[in-house]
């Protein structure tokens, strides 16, 4: 099977099912389509297709395609800031407090807003600190995960 068809198959299968593991995707394709792919191939294809594991209720997670270019661009820039300008992140109750280098909080706030995360009730940014408000501590942890992909610090 050509790579383009394999990518289409993986994208369609992930879109129509909730998989928690790459092995489940490989097994599903093998069972339903009679084609066997290695986990390495599945992993590489998921990354190319911008299909990532996202959290769900009860500490579960599943693979989902992130298809909004604006959100992906904002996330890329946000992760750049994470590596270079974010000094600390504290999750307290229903909010996330982000301490940045002087002058960067409002820029980071802008990219968080552009990600259009439904679980965020609002953001407030100053010169070197910004706050992301959610409706619970569990939701704050979930939003942090969506923003920074496992880069959790307390």
C-alpha atoms as a PDB file:
ATOM      1  CA  UNK A   1       0.000   0.000   0.000  1.00  0.00           C
ATOM      2  CA  UNK A   2       1.331   3.443  -0.922  1.00  0.00           C
ATOM      3  CA  UNK A   3       2.175   5.840   1.872  1.00  0.00           C
ATOM      4  CA  UNK A   4      -0.600   8.287   0.913  1.00  0.00           C
ATOM      5  CA  UNK A   5      -3.221   5.526   1.122  1.00  0.00           C
ATOM      6  CA  UNK A   6      -1.779   4.314   4.431  1.00  0.00           C
ATOM      7  CA  UNK A   7      -1.977   7.850   5.833  1.00  0.00           C
ATOM      8  CA  UNK A   8      -5.578   8.195   4.638  1.00  0.00           C
ATOM      9  CA  UNK A   9      -6.453   4.857   6.216  1.00  0.00           C
ATOM     10  CA  UNK A  10      -4.881   5.743   9.569  1.00  0.00           C
ATOM     11  CA  UNK A  11      -6.501   9.180   9.589  1.00  0.00           C
ATOM     12  CA  UNK A  12      -9.946   7.718   8.844  1.00  0.00           C
ATOM     13  CA  UNK A  13      -9.613   4.923  11.404  1.00  0.00           C
ATOM     14  CA  UNK A  14      -8.516   7.335  14.155  1.00  0.00           C
ATOM     15  CA  UNK A  15     -11.252   9.818  13.256  1.00  0.00           C
ATOM     16  CA  UNK A  16     -13.972   7.177  13.588  1.00  0.00           C
ATOM     17  CA  UNK A  17     -12.699   5.395  16.737  1.00  0.00           C
ATOM     18  CA  UNK A  18     -11.220   6.154  20.142  1.00  0.00           C
ATOM     19  CA  UNK A  19      -7.871   4.451  20.522  1.00  0.00           C
ATOM     20  CA  UNK A  20      -5.833   4.679  23.726  1.00  0.00           C
ATOM     21  CA  UNK A  21      -2.726   2.953  22.341  1.00  0.00           C
ATOM     22  CA  UNK A  22      -0.889   2.735  19.033  1.00  0.00           C
ATOM     23  CA  UNK A  23      -1.136  -1.041  19.283  1.00  0.00           C
ATOM     24  CA  UNK A  24      -4.941  -0.732  19.181  1.00  0.00           C
ATOM     25  CA  UNK A  25      -4.702   1.223  15.919  1.00  0.00           C
ATOM     26  CA  UNK A  26      -2.381  -1.394  14.386  1.00  0.00           C
ATOM     27  CA  UNK A  27      -4.625  -4.263  15.566  1.00  0.00           C
ATOM     28  CA  UNK A  28      -7.777  -2.555  14.237  1.00  0.00           C
ATOM     29  CA  UNK A  29      -6.224  -2.036  10.785  1.00  0.00           C
ATOM     30  CA  UNK A  30      -4.966  -5.624  10.758  1.00  0.00           C
ATOM     31  CA  UNK A  31      -8.362  -7.043  11.802  1.00  0.00           C
ATOM     32  CA  UNK A  32     -10.571  -4.896   9.560  1.00  0.00           C
ATOM     33  CA  UNK A  33      -8.342  -4.329   6.534  1.00  0.00           C
ATOM     34  CA  UNK A  34      -5.916  -7.251   6.633  1.00  0.00           C
ATOM     35  CA  UNK A  35      -2.876  -4.974   6.592  1.00  0.00           C
ATOM     36  CA  UNK A  36      -0.200  -5.154   9.300  1.00  0.00           C
ATOM     37  CA  UNK A  37       1.896  -2.097  10.205  1.00  0.00           C
ATOM     38  CA  UNK A  38       4.628  -1.833  12.810  1.00  0.00           C
ATOM     39  CA  UNK A  39       4.114   0.395  15.826  1.00  0.00           C
ATOM     40  CA  UNK A  40       7.065   2.476  14.583  1.00  0.00           C
ATOM     41  CA  UNK A  41       5.287   3.122  11.277  1.00  0.00           C
ATOM     42  CA  UNK A  42       2.029   3.971  13.067  1.00  0.00           C
ATOM     43  CA  UNK A  43       3.898   6.322  15.410  1.00  0.00           C
ATOM     44  CA  UNK A  44       5.657   8.131  12.560  1.00  0.00           C
ATOM     45  CA  UNK A  45       2.413   8.433  10.582  1.00  0.00           C
ATOM     46  CA  UNK A  46       0.488   9.789  13.578  1.00  0.00           C
ATOM     47  CA  UNK A  47       3.096  12.510  14.019  1.00  0.00           C
ATOM     48  CA  UNK A  48       3.010  13.403  10.309  1.00  0.00           C
ATOM     49  CA  UNK A  49      -0.800  13.530  10.370  1.00  0.00           C
ATOM     50  CA  UNK A  50      -0.743  15.727  13.501  1.00  0.00           C
ATOM     51  CA  UNK A  51      -2.683  13.123  15.446  1.00  0.00           C
ATOM     52  CA  UNK A  52      -1.879  13.385  19.121  1.00  0.00           C
ATOM     53  CA  UNK A  53      -3.003  11.720  22.304  1.00  0.00           C
ATOM     54  CA  UNK A  54      -5.386  14.064  24.095  1.00  0.00           C
ATOM     55  CA  UNK A  55      -6.740  13.691  27.608  1.00  0.00           C
ATOM     56  CA  UNK A  56     -10.335  12.729  28.278  1.00  0.00           C
ATOM     57  CA  UNK A  57     -12.431  12.184  31.372  1.00  0.00           C
ATOM     58  CA  UNK A  58     -11.187   9.889  34.187  1.00  0.00           C
ATOM     59  CA  UNK A  59      -7.461  10.121  33.357  1.00  0.00           C
ATOM     60  CA  UNK A  60      -8.069   8.359  30.032  1.00  0.00           C
ATOM     61  CA  UNK A  61      -6.592   9.628  26.800  1.00  0.00           C
ATOM     62  CA  UNK A  62      -7.110   8.873  23.142  1.00  0.00           C
ATOM     63  CA  UNK A  63      -5.703   9.772  19.744  1.00  0.00           C
ATOM     64  CA  UNK A  64      -7.259  12.724  17.917  1.00  0.00           C
ATOM     65  CA  UNK A  65      -6.340  14.775  14.879  1.00  0.00           C
ATOM     66  CA  UNK A  66      -5.623  18.421  15.550  1.00  0.00           C
ATOM     67  CA  UNK A  67      -6.719  19.975  12.298  1.00  0.00           C
ATOM     68  CA  UNK A  68      -6.983  23.672  13.040  1.00  0.00           C
ATOM     69  CA  UNK A  69      -3.944  25.380  11.504  1.00  0.00           C
ATOM     70  CA  UNK A  70      -4.387  28.527  13.603  1.00  0.00           C
ATOM     71  CA  UNK A  71      -4.410  26.457  16.775  1.00  0.00           C
ATOM     72  CA  UNK A  72      -1.376  24.455  15.675  1.00  0.00           C
ATOM     73  CA  UNK A  73       0.567  27.632  14.814  1.00  0.00           C
ATOM     74  CA  UNK A  74      -0.359  29.151  18.172  1.00  0.00           C
ATOM     75  CA  UNK A  75       0.663  25.947  19.967  1.00  0.00           C
ATOM     76  CA  UNK A  76       4.023  25.882  18.156  1.00  0.00           C
ATOM     77  CA  UNK A  77       4.738  29.461  19.190  1.00  0.00           C
ATOM     78  CA  UNK A  78       3.520  28.781  22.722  1.00  0.00           C
ATOM     79  CA  UNK A  79       5.890  25.806  23.051  1.00  0.00           C
ATOM     80  CA  UNK A  80       8.737  28.012  21.794  1.00  0.00           C
ATOM     81  CA  UNK A  81       7.913  30.467  24.579  1.00  0.00           C
ATOM     82  CA  UNK A  82       7.704  27.568  27.027  1.00  0.00           C
ATOM     83  CA  UNK A  83      11.283  26.616  26.254  1.00  0.00           C
ATOM     84  CA  UNK A  84      12.635  30.180  26.246  1.00  0.00           C
ATOM     85  CA  UNK A  85      10.520  32.655  28.213  1.00  0.00           C
ATOM     86  CA  UNK A  86       8.249  30.845  30.686  1.00  0.00           C
ATOM     87  CA  UNK A  87       9.951  30.710  34.069  1.00  0.00           C
ATOM     88  CA  UNK A  88       7.367  28.833  36.121  1.00  0.00           C
ATOM     89  CA  UNK A  89       3.826  27.467  36.028  1.00  0.00           C
ATOM     90  CA  UNK A  90       1.660  26.930  39.078  1.00  0.00           C
ATOM     91  CA  UNK A  91      -1.706  25.200  39.032  1.00  0.00           C
ATOM     92  CA  UNK A  92      -3.782  26.349  41.986  1.00  0.00           C
ATOM     93  CA  UNK A  93      -7.459  25.507  42.371  1.00  0.00           C
ATOM     94  CA  UNK A  94      -9.152  26.446  39.096  1.00  0.00           C
ATOM     95  CA  UNK A  95      -6.417  28.592  37.582  1.00  0.00           C
ATOM     96  CA  UNK A  96      -2.987  28.327  36.019  1.00  0.00           C
ATOM     97  CA  UNK A  97      -0.496  31.050  36.945  1.00  0.00           C
ATOM     98  CA  UNK A  98       2.322  31.484  34.424  1.00  0.00           C
ATOM     99  CA  UNK A  99       5.404  33.537  35.316  1.00  0.00           C
ATOM    100  CA  UNK A 100       7.386  34.770  32.296  1.00  0.00           C
ATOM    101  CA  UNK A 101      10.413  36.855  31.471  1.00  0.00           C
ATOM    102  CA  UNK A 102       9.570  40.590  31.658  1.00  0.00           C
ATOM    103  CA  UNK A 103       7.426  41.715  28.719  1.00  0.00           C
ATOM    104  CA  UNK A 104       6.358  38.274  27.499  1.00  0.00           C
ATOM    105  CA  UNK A 105       3.138  37.545  29.415  1.00  0.00           C
ATOM    106  CA  UNK A 106       0.792  39.350  27.030  1.00  0.00           C
ATOM    107  CA  UNK A 107       2.337  37.696  23.964  1.00  0.00           C
ATOM    108  CA  UNK A 108       1.953  34.267  25.528  1.00  0.00           C
ATOM    109  CA  UNK A 109      -1.589  35.231  26.567  1.00  0.00           C
ATOM    110  CA  UNK A 110      -2.339  36.084  22.915  1.00  0.00           C
ATOM    111  CA  UNK A 111      -1.254  32.636  21.696  1.00  0.00           C
ATOM    112  CA  UNK A 112      -3.212  30.881  24.440  1.00  0.00           C
ATOM    113  CA  UNK A 113      -6.321  32.821  23.374  1.00  0.00           C
ATOM    114  CA  UNK A 114      -5.720  31.910  19.702  1.00  0.00           C
ATOM    115  CA  UNK A 115      -5.779  28.214  20.586  1.00  0.00           C
ATOM    116  CA  UNK A 116      -9.530  28.583  21.296  1.00  0.00           C
ATOM    117  CA  UNK A 117      -9.592  25.997  24.084  1.00  0.00           C
ATOM    118  CA  UNK A 118     -13.231  25.664  25.136  1.00  0.00           C
ATOM    119  CA  UNK A 119     -12.354  24.777  28.735  1.00  0.00           C
ATOM    120  CA  UNK A 120     -10.646  28.145  29.322  1.00  0.00           C
ATOM    121  CA  UNK A 121     -13.072  30.632  30.882  1.00  0.00           C
ATOM    122  CA  UNK A 122     -10.688  33.560  30.430  1.00  0.00           C
ATOM    123  CA  UNK A 123      -7.121  34.825  30.571  1.00  0.00           C
ATOM    124  CA  UNK A 124      -5.509  37.893  32.133  1.00  0.00           C
ATOM    125  CA  UNK A 125      -2.000  38.971  31.193  1.00  0.00           C
ATOM    126  CA  UNK A 126       0.284  41.583  32.665  1.00  0.00           C
ATOM    127  CA  UNK A 127       3.960  42.287  32.027  1.00  0.00           C
ATOM    128  CA  UNK A 128       5.513  39.107  33.420  1.00  0.00           C
ATOM    129  CA  UNK A 129       2.573  37.091  34.772  1.00  0.00           C
ATOM    130  CA  UNK A 130      -0.603  35.696  33.290  1.00  0.00           C
ATOM    131  CA  UNK A 131      -3.514  33.754  34.668  1.00  0.00           C
ATOM    132  CA  UNK A 132      -5.618  31.182  32.832  1.00  0.00           C
ATOM    133  CA  UNK A 133      -8.991  30.603  34.512  1.00  0.00           C
ATOM    134  CA  UNK A 134     -10.936  27.313  34.287  1.00  0.00           C
ATOM    135  CA  UNK A 135     -13.818  25.929  36.352  1.00  0.00           C
ATOM    136  CA  UNK A 136     -11.949  23.358  38.518  1.00  0.00           C
ATOM    137  CA  UNK A 137      -8.492  22.148  39.495  1.00  0.00           C
ATOM    138  CA  UNK A 138      -8.982  19.010  37.381  1.00  0.00           C
ATOM    139  CA  UNK A 139      -9.888  21.195  34.395  1.00  0.00           C
ATOM    140  CA  UNK A 140      -6.854  23.436  35.056  1.00  0.00           C
ATOM    141  CA  UNK A 141      -4.605  20.352  34.844  1.00  0.00           C
ATOM    142  CA  UNK A 142      -6.351  19.274  31.649  1.00  0.00           C
ATOM    143  CA  UNK A 143      -5.918  22.746  30.090  1.00  0.00           C
ATOM    144  CA  UNK A 144      -2.262  22.752  31.126  1.00  0.00           C
ATOM    145  CA  UNK A 145      -1.856  19.424  29.338  1.00  0.00           C
ATOM    146  CA  UNK A 146      -3.521  20.815  26.202  1.00  0.00           C
ATOM    147  CA  UNK A 147      -1.271  23.878  26.299  1.00  0.00           C
ATOM    148  CA  UNK A 148       2.071  22.287  27.060  1.00  0.00           C
ATOM    149  CA  UNK A 149       1.798  18.485  26.430  1.00  0.00           C
ATOM    150  CA  UNK A 150       3.001  16.924  29.698  1.00  0.00           C
ATOM    151  CA  UNK A 151       5.409  19.713  30.618  1.00  0.00           C
ATOM    152  CA  UNK A 152       3.882  19.932  34.089  1.00  0.00           C
ATOM    153  CA  UNK A 153       5.706  21.712  36.869  1.00  0.00           C
ATOM    154  CA  UNK A 154       4.318  22.651  40.254  1.00  0.00           C
END
